[in-house]
N, C-alpha and C. Protein backbone atom coordinates (compact mmCIF):
# COMPACT_ATOMS: atom_id res chain seq x y z
N MET A 1 15.03 -4.00 11.08
CA MET A 1 14.82 -4.41 9.71
C MET A 1 13.66 -3.61 9.14
N GLN A 2 13.74 -3.33 7.86
CA GLN A 2 12.66 -2.60 7.20
C GLN A 2 11.65 -3.58 6.60
N TYR A 3 10.38 -3.19 6.66
CA TYR A 3 9.30 -3.95 6.05
C TYR A 3 8.46 -2.99 5.21
N LEU A 4 8.10 -3.44 4.03
CA LEU A 4 7.22 -2.67 3.15
C LEU A 4 5.81 -3.20 3.34
N LEU A 5 4.89 -2.32 3.67
CA LEU A 5 3.49 -2.67 3.85
C LEU A 5 2.73 -2.14 2.64
N LEU A 6 2.40 -3.03 1.71
CA LEU A 6 1.73 -2.66 0.46
C LEU A 6 0.22 -2.72 0.65
N ILE A 7 -0.45 -1.64 0.37
CA ILE A 7 -1.89 -1.53 0.59
C ILE A 7 -2.61 -1.83 -0.74
N ASN A 8 -3.27 -2.97 -0.80
CA ASN A 8 -4.03 -3.36 -1.98
C ASN A 8 -5.51 -3.24 -1.65
N GLU A 9 -6.22 -2.48 -2.46
CA GLU A 9 -7.63 -2.24 -2.17
C GLU A 9 -8.43 -2.11 -3.46
N ASP A 10 -9.74 -2.24 -3.32
CA ASP A 10 -10.66 -2.07 -4.44
C ASP A 10 -10.94 -0.58 -4.60
N GLU A 11 -10.41 0.01 -5.67
CA GLU A 11 -10.55 1.46 -5.88
C GLU A 11 -11.99 1.91 -6.06
N SER A 12 -12.88 1.01 -6.42
CA SER A 12 -14.27 1.40 -6.67
C SER A 12 -14.96 1.89 -5.39
N ILE A 13 -14.40 1.60 -4.22
CA ILE A 13 -14.97 2.06 -2.96
C ILE A 13 -14.95 3.58 -2.87
N TYR A 14 -14.08 4.21 -3.65
CA TYR A 14 -13.94 5.67 -3.63
C TYR A 14 -14.78 6.35 -4.71
N GLU A 15 -15.71 5.62 -5.30
CA GLU A 15 -16.60 6.17 -6.32
C GLU A 15 -18.03 6.21 -5.79
N GLY A 16 -18.89 6.99 -6.42
CA GLY A 16 -20.29 7.02 -6.05
C GLY A 16 -20.62 8.09 -5.04
N GLU A 17 -21.84 8.03 -4.52
CA GLU A 17 -22.33 9.10 -3.67
C GLU A 17 -21.66 9.16 -2.29
N ASN A 18 -21.09 8.07 -1.81
CA ASN A 18 -20.42 8.07 -0.52
C ASN A 18 -18.91 8.25 -0.64
N ALA A 19 -18.42 8.53 -1.84
CA ALA A 19 -16.97 8.59 -2.09
C ALA A 19 -16.25 9.57 -1.18
N ALA A 20 -16.78 10.77 -1.04
CA ALA A 20 -16.11 11.78 -0.23
C ALA A 20 -16.04 11.35 1.23
N LYS A 21 -17.11 10.77 1.74
CA LYS A 21 -17.14 10.31 3.13
C LYS A 21 -16.14 9.17 3.35
N VAL A 22 -16.13 8.21 2.43
CA VAL A 22 -15.20 7.08 2.55
C VAL A 22 -13.76 7.57 2.50
N MET A 23 -13.46 8.50 1.59
CA MET A 23 -12.11 9.03 1.48
C MET A 23 -11.72 9.77 2.76
N GLU A 24 -12.62 10.59 3.28
CA GLU A 24 -12.34 11.34 4.50
C GLU A 24 -12.07 10.40 5.68
N GLU A 25 -12.90 9.37 5.84
CA GLU A 25 -12.72 8.41 6.93
C GLU A 25 -11.42 7.62 6.77
N THR A 26 -11.11 7.24 5.54
CA THR A 26 -9.90 6.47 5.29
C THR A 26 -8.66 7.31 5.58
N LEU A 27 -8.65 8.55 5.10
CA LEU A 27 -7.51 9.44 5.36
C LEU A 27 -7.35 9.69 6.86
N ALA A 28 -8.45 9.84 7.58
CA ALA A 28 -8.38 10.02 9.03
C ALA A 28 -7.77 8.77 9.68
N GLY A 29 -8.11 7.61 9.17
CA GLY A 29 -7.54 6.37 9.68
C GLY A 29 -6.04 6.30 9.43
N HIS A 30 -5.61 6.77 8.26
CA HIS A 30 -4.17 6.77 7.95
C HIS A 30 -3.43 7.77 8.83
N MET A 31 -4.04 8.90 9.12
CA MET A 31 -3.41 9.89 10.00
C MET A 31 -3.26 9.30 11.41
N ALA A 32 -4.28 8.58 11.87
CA ALA A 32 -4.21 7.95 13.19
C ALA A 32 -3.14 6.86 13.21
N PHE A 33 -3.02 6.11 12.10
CA PHE A 33 -1.99 5.08 12.00
C PHE A 33 -0.60 5.71 12.07
N ALA A 34 -0.39 6.79 11.34
CA ALA A 34 0.90 7.49 11.35
C ALA A 34 1.21 8.03 12.75
N GLN A 35 0.20 8.54 13.44
CA GLN A 35 0.41 9.03 14.80
C GLN A 35 0.77 7.88 15.75
N ALA A 36 0.17 6.71 15.55
CA ALA A 36 0.48 5.54 16.38
C ALA A 36 1.93 5.11 16.16
N LEU A 37 2.36 5.08 14.90
CA LEU A 37 3.76 4.73 14.61
C LEU A 37 4.70 5.74 15.28
N THR A 38 4.42 7.02 15.10
CA THR A 38 5.26 8.07 15.67
C THR A 38 5.27 7.97 17.20
N GLY A 39 4.11 7.71 17.78
CA GLY A 39 4.00 7.61 19.22
C GLY A 39 4.83 6.48 19.82
N LYS A 40 5.05 5.43 19.04
CA LYS A 40 5.86 4.29 19.48
C LYS A 40 7.30 4.39 19.02
N GLY A 41 7.65 5.51 18.36
CA GLY A 41 9.02 5.71 17.91
C GLY A 41 9.43 4.86 16.71
N VAL A 42 8.44 4.41 15.95
CA VAL A 42 8.72 3.59 14.76
C VAL A 42 9.07 4.51 13.60
N GLU A 43 10.24 4.29 13.01
CA GLU A 43 10.62 5.05 11.82
C GLU A 43 9.82 4.54 10.64
N PHE A 44 9.28 5.48 9.84
CA PHE A 44 8.48 5.07 8.69
C PHE A 44 8.43 6.17 7.65
N SER A 45 8.05 5.77 6.47
CA SER A 45 7.69 6.70 5.41
C SER A 45 6.55 6.04 4.64
N GLY A 46 5.92 6.78 3.78
CA GLY A 46 4.83 6.21 3.00
C GLY A 46 4.25 7.23 2.06
N ASN A 47 3.49 6.74 1.12
CA ASN A 47 2.79 7.59 0.16
C ASN A 47 1.54 6.90 -0.33
N ARG A 48 0.59 7.70 -0.72
CA ARG A 48 -0.55 7.16 -1.45
C ARG A 48 -0.21 7.25 -2.93
N LEU A 49 -0.87 6.46 -3.72
CA LEU A 49 -0.61 6.43 -5.15
C LEU A 49 -1.82 6.92 -5.92
N ASN A 50 -1.60 7.47 -7.10
CA ASN A 50 -2.70 7.82 -7.99
C ASN A 50 -3.41 6.54 -8.43
N PRO A 51 -4.63 6.63 -8.93
CA PRO A 51 -5.38 5.44 -9.33
C PRO A 51 -4.62 4.56 -10.32
N ALA A 52 -4.97 3.28 -10.31
CA ALA A 52 -4.30 2.30 -11.16
C ALA A 52 -4.37 2.67 -12.64
N ALA A 53 -5.41 3.37 -13.04
CA ALA A 53 -5.54 3.76 -14.45
C ALA A 53 -4.40 4.67 -14.91
N THR A 54 -3.68 5.29 -13.97
CA THR A 54 -2.57 6.17 -14.34
C THR A 54 -1.25 5.42 -14.47
N ALA A 55 -1.26 4.12 -14.15
CA ALA A 55 -0.02 3.32 -14.18
C ALA A 55 0.36 2.89 -15.59
N THR A 56 1.63 2.66 -15.78
CA THR A 56 2.16 2.04 -16.99
C THR A 56 3.02 0.86 -16.54
N THR A 57 2.80 -0.28 -17.15
CA THR A 57 3.58 -1.47 -16.80
C THR A 57 4.46 -1.85 -17.98
N ILE A 58 5.71 -2.18 -17.68
CA ILE A 58 6.64 -2.68 -18.70
C ILE A 58 6.78 -4.18 -18.47
N ARG A 59 6.51 -4.98 -19.49
CA ARG A 59 6.64 -6.44 -19.40
C ARG A 59 7.82 -6.87 -20.27
N TRP A 60 8.68 -7.72 -19.71
CA TRP A 60 9.81 -8.26 -20.46
C TRP A 60 9.53 -9.69 -20.87
N ASP A 61 10.01 -10.04 -22.05
CA ASP A 61 9.89 -11.41 -22.55
C ASP A 61 11.19 -11.75 -23.26
N HIS A 62 12.09 -12.40 -22.56
CA HIS A 62 13.37 -12.85 -23.12
C HIS A 62 14.12 -11.73 -23.83
N GLY A 63 14.23 -10.58 -23.15
CA GLY A 63 15.04 -9.49 -23.69
C GLY A 63 14.27 -8.39 -24.39
N SER A 64 13.06 -8.64 -24.85
CA SER A 64 12.26 -7.57 -25.46
C SER A 64 11.20 -7.13 -24.45
N HIS A 65 10.70 -5.92 -24.65
CA HIS A 65 9.70 -5.43 -23.72
C HIS A 65 8.53 -4.78 -24.45
N THR A 66 7.39 -4.74 -23.74
CA THR A 66 6.19 -4.08 -24.25
C THR A 66 5.63 -3.21 -23.13
N LEU A 67 4.95 -2.13 -23.51
CA LEU A 67 4.31 -1.24 -22.55
C LEU A 67 2.82 -1.52 -22.50
N HIS A 68 2.27 -1.46 -21.30
CA HIS A 68 0.83 -1.69 -21.10
C HIS A 68 0.27 -0.58 -20.23
N ASP A 69 -0.92 -0.09 -20.56
CA ASP A 69 -1.60 0.89 -19.72
C ASP A 69 -2.13 0.19 -18.48
N GLY A 70 -1.96 0.83 -17.35
CA GLY A 70 -2.49 0.28 -16.10
C GLY A 70 -1.62 -0.81 -15.52
N PRO A 71 -2.07 -1.34 -14.38
CA PRO A 71 -1.33 -2.43 -13.75
C PRO A 71 -1.50 -3.71 -14.56
N PHE A 72 -0.57 -4.63 -14.44
CA PHE A 72 -0.62 -5.87 -15.20
C PHE A 72 -0.99 -7.02 -14.28
N ALA A 73 -1.99 -6.82 -13.47
CA ALA A 73 -2.42 -7.86 -12.54
C ALA A 73 -3.86 -8.24 -12.84
N GLU A 74 -4.15 -9.50 -12.75
CA GLU A 74 -5.52 -9.99 -12.90
C GLU A 74 -6.15 -9.94 -11.52
N SER A 75 -6.65 -8.78 -11.15
CA SER A 75 -7.16 -8.59 -9.80
C SER A 75 -8.21 -7.49 -9.78
N HIS A 76 -9.05 -7.53 -8.78
CA HIS A 76 -10.02 -6.45 -8.58
C HIS A 76 -9.49 -5.46 -7.55
N GLU A 77 -8.28 -5.68 -7.11
CA GLU A 77 -7.65 -4.79 -6.15
C GLU A 77 -6.42 -4.16 -6.79
N GLU A 78 -6.17 -2.91 -6.42
CA GLU A 78 -5.03 -2.19 -6.96
C GLU A 78 -4.13 -1.75 -5.81
N LEU A 79 -2.86 -1.53 -6.13
CA LEU A 79 -1.93 -1.00 -5.15
C LEU A 79 -2.28 0.46 -4.92
N GLY A 80 -2.71 0.79 -3.71
CA GLY A 80 -3.17 2.14 -3.42
C GLY A 80 -2.17 2.99 -2.68
N GLY A 81 -1.18 2.35 -2.07
CA GLY A 81 -0.18 3.09 -1.32
C GLY A 81 0.70 2.13 -0.54
N TYR A 82 1.57 2.68 0.27
CA TYR A 82 2.49 1.84 1.02
C TYR A 82 3.03 2.58 2.23
N TYR A 83 3.53 1.81 3.16
CA TYR A 83 4.32 2.32 4.28
C TYR A 83 5.61 1.52 4.28
N LEU A 84 6.71 2.17 4.56
CA LEU A 84 7.99 1.53 4.76
C LEU A 84 8.33 1.77 6.22
N ILE A 85 8.36 0.68 7.02
CA ILE A 85 8.56 0.84 8.45
C ILE A 85 9.78 0.07 8.94
N GLU A 86 10.31 0.50 10.07
CA GLU A 86 11.35 -0.24 10.79
C GLU A 86 10.64 -1.08 11.84
N ALA A 87 10.91 -2.37 11.87
CA ALA A 87 10.32 -3.25 12.87
C ALA A 87 11.34 -4.31 13.27
N ALA A 88 11.26 -4.77 14.50
CA ALA A 88 12.22 -5.74 15.02
C ALA A 88 12.00 -7.13 14.45
N SER A 89 10.78 -7.41 13.98
CA SER A 89 10.47 -8.76 13.49
C SER A 89 9.29 -8.71 12.53
N LEU A 90 9.10 -9.80 11.81
CA LEU A 90 7.94 -9.93 10.93
C LEU A 90 6.66 -9.85 11.76
N ASP A 91 6.63 -10.47 12.92
CA ASP A 91 5.44 -10.42 13.76
C ASP A 91 5.07 -9.00 14.13
N GLU A 92 6.08 -8.18 14.46
CA GLU A 92 5.81 -6.79 14.79
C GLU A 92 5.27 -6.04 13.57
N ALA A 93 5.87 -6.28 12.39
CA ALA A 93 5.41 -5.63 11.16
C ALA A 93 3.96 -6.02 10.85
N ILE A 94 3.63 -7.28 11.07
CA ILE A 94 2.26 -7.75 10.83
C ILE A 94 1.28 -7.06 11.78
N GLU A 95 1.67 -6.91 13.04
CA GLU A 95 0.79 -6.23 14.00
C GLU A 95 0.52 -4.79 13.56
N TRP A 96 1.54 -4.09 13.06
CA TRP A 96 1.33 -2.73 12.54
C TRP A 96 0.44 -2.77 11.31
N ALA A 97 0.66 -3.72 10.40
CA ALA A 97 -0.12 -3.80 9.16
C ALA A 97 -1.60 -4.01 9.44
N LYS A 98 -1.92 -4.72 10.50
CA LYS A 98 -3.32 -4.96 10.86
C LYS A 98 -4.05 -3.67 11.22
N LEU A 99 -3.31 -2.61 11.53
CA LEU A 99 -3.92 -1.33 11.92
C LEU A 99 -4.17 -0.39 10.75
N ILE A 100 -3.71 -0.76 9.56
CA ILE A 100 -3.89 0.11 8.39
C ILE A 100 -5.35 0.05 7.93
N PRO A 101 -5.99 1.20 7.75
CA PRO A 101 -7.38 1.20 7.32
C PRO A 101 -7.53 0.80 5.85
N VAL A 102 -8.37 -0.18 5.60
CA VAL A 102 -8.70 -0.59 4.23
C VAL A 102 -10.22 -0.66 4.15
N PRO A 103 -10.86 0.34 3.53
CA PRO A 103 -12.32 0.32 3.43
C PRO A 103 -12.76 -0.73 2.41
N GLY A 104 -13.88 -1.36 2.64
CA GLY A 104 -14.36 -2.37 1.70
C GLY A 104 -13.49 -3.61 1.76
N THR A 105 -13.06 -4.08 0.60
CA THR A 105 -12.22 -5.27 0.54
C THR A 105 -10.80 -4.90 0.16
N GLY A 106 -9.87 -5.76 0.51
CA GLY A 106 -8.48 -5.51 0.17
C GLY A 106 -7.56 -6.31 1.06
N GLY A 107 -6.30 -5.98 1.02
CA GLY A 107 -5.33 -6.69 1.83
C GLY A 107 -4.05 -5.88 1.94
N ILE A 108 -3.24 -6.26 2.89
CA ILE A 108 -1.94 -5.63 3.10
C ILE A 108 -0.89 -6.71 2.90
N GLU A 109 0.03 -6.48 1.99
CA GLU A 109 1.16 -7.39 1.81
C GLU A 109 2.32 -6.87 2.65
N VAL A 110 2.85 -7.72 3.51
CA VAL A 110 3.98 -7.36 4.37
C VAL A 110 5.20 -8.07 3.81
N ARG A 111 6.18 -7.28 3.38
CA ARG A 111 7.36 -7.87 2.74
C ARG A 111 8.64 -7.27 3.31
N PRO A 112 9.56 -8.14 3.78
CA PRO A 112 10.84 -7.62 4.26
C PRO A 112 11.63 -7.01 3.11
N VAL A 113 12.33 -5.93 3.42
CA VAL A 113 13.18 -5.27 2.42
C VAL A 113 14.52 -5.99 2.39
N TRP A 114 15.02 -6.23 1.20
CA TRP A 114 16.33 -6.85 0.99
C TRP A 114 17.31 -5.73 0.69
N PRO A 115 18.10 -5.31 1.69
CA PRO A 115 19.00 -4.17 1.47
C PRO A 115 19.98 -4.41 0.33
N MET A 116 20.31 -3.34 -0.38
CA MET A 116 21.19 -3.43 -1.54
C MET A 116 22.60 -3.86 -1.16
N ASP A 117 23.02 -3.65 0.08
CA ASP A 117 24.37 -4.01 0.47
C ASP A 117 24.52 -5.46 0.93
N GLU A 118 23.44 -6.24 0.84
CA GLU A 118 23.53 -7.65 1.23
C GLU A 118 23.68 -8.53 0.01
């Protein structure tokens, strides 16, 4: 079964005088995570996302829609990237999600994929 691991983090951690160091350490952590998945034969894909300020959200209200700059969430955390992995169970997906590097504060949402053919 496929699970989507959504990486929600506080983007401000990548600003300021330590920004380059934090980014370098975080990317190294993601490379190690990808190597761990590959080493265990776990099929996966993933991408990082541009900052939340580059997002556009479309909101629907009973058939009409409006466009909004940025994400439409009341949160101090933004969706920073994701992994799509194959795992035998939710427990296994959660164990993998615990290994994803998140500097500062944030969280990983683990969500089973609902295949289109079901």
